[in-house]
Amino acid sequence: METIHQLIVESVSGGFWKFIDWVAIGLWLVVPAKILIVLINRPLRHWNIRKHGYPPSHCDADGDFKSEDK
């Protein structure tokens, strides 16, 4: 396994297409993972807000933490 530094050095010295391959492989892995995370996160967030309301009791009207004025 090569490091990013080694890939950049090789891209400058003629390994440009190898660097582009690594970027493309990274995109093929990252984009579907991000879509999967969003597809799971958004319904869970929606259900939680629907059940408990917004904002939570420890936040003010715009979602910031309440100040501890005494």
Protein backbone atom coordinates (compact mmCIF):
# COMPACT_ATOMS: atom_id res chain seq x y z
CA MET A 1 0.00 0.00 0.00
CA GLU A 2 1.40 3.34 -1.00
CA THR A 3 1.04 6.58 0.87
CA ILE A 4 -0.46 9.74 -0.59
CA HIS A 5 2.98 11.36 -0.54
CA GLN A 6 4.43 8.56 -2.66
CA LEU A 7 1.51 8.83 -5.09
CA ILE A 8 2.00 12.59 -5.46
CA VAL A 9 5.75 12.17 -6.03
CA GLU A 10 5.08 9.52 -8.69
CA SER A 11 2.42 11.70 -10.32
CA VAL A 12 4.99 14.48 -10.73
CA SER A 13 7.58 12.06 -12.08
CA GLY A 14 5.33 10.28 -14.58
CA GLY A 15 2.83 8.28 -12.50
CA PHE A 16 0.01 10.75 -13.18
CA TRP A 17 -2.45 8.13 -14.38
CA LYS A 18 -1.78 5.92 -11.35
CA PHE A 19 -2.65 8.92 -9.14
CA ILE A 20 -5.85 9.50 -11.15
CA ASP A 21 -6.72 5.80 -10.73
CA TRP A 22 -6.39 6.09 -6.94
CA VAL A 23 -8.59 9.20 -6.94
CA ALA A 24 -11.21 7.42 -9.07
CA ILE A 25 -11.18 4.37 -6.79
CA GLY A 26 -11.56 6.66 -3.79
CA LEU A 27 -14.57 8.35 -5.39
CA TRP A 28 -16.15 4.99 -6.20
CA LEU A 29 -15.89 4.08 -2.52
CA VAL A 30 -16.67 7.42 -0.88
CA VAL A 31 -19.70 8.52 -2.89
CA PRO A 32 -21.80 5.36 -2.35
CA ALA A 33 -20.83 5.31 1.34
CA LYS A 34 -21.93 8.95 1.72
CA ILE A 35 -25.23 8.24 -0.04
CA LEU A 36 -25.83 5.22 2.21
CA ILE A 37 -25.12 7.26 5.34
CA VAL A 38 -27.50 10.03 4.24
CA LEU A 39 -30.21 7.50 3.36
CA ILE A 40 -29.99 6.12 6.90
CA ASN A 41 -29.42 9.42 8.75
CA ARG A 42 -32.24 11.54 7.29
CA PRO A 43 -35.17 9.24 8.13
CA LEU A 44 -33.79 8.69 11.64
CA ARG A 45 -33.42 12.44 12.15
CA HIS A 46 -36.93 13.03 10.80
CA TRP A 47 -38.46 10.43 13.11
CA ASN A 48 -36.57 11.80 16.13
CA ILE A 49 -37.70 15.39 15.48
CA ARG A 50 -41.26 14.19 14.84
CA LYS A 51 -41.28 12.28 18.14
CA HIS A 52 -39.51 14.80 20.39
CA GLY A 53 -40.07 18.12 18.60
CA TYR A 54 -37.61 20.82 17.73
CA PRO A 55 -35.74 22.47 19.32
CA PRO A 56 -34.75 20.15 22.16
CA SER A 57 -35.39 21.38 25.68
CA HIS A 58 -31.70 22.29 26.24
CA CYS A 59 -31.69 24.66 23.19
CA ASP A 60 -33.29 28.03 22.45
CA ALA A 61 -35.62 28.73 19.50
CA ASP A 62 -32.92 28.73 16.82
CA GLY A 63 -31.15 25.58 18.09
CA ASP A 64 -28.30 27.23 20.03
CA PHE A 65 -27.53 26.09 23.57
CA LYS A 66 -29.38 28.12 26.18
CA SER A 67 -27.29 30.47 28.28
CA GLU A 68 -27.07 29.81 32.00
CA ASP A 69 -28.37 33.20 33.24
CA LYS A 70 -29.10 33.14 36.94
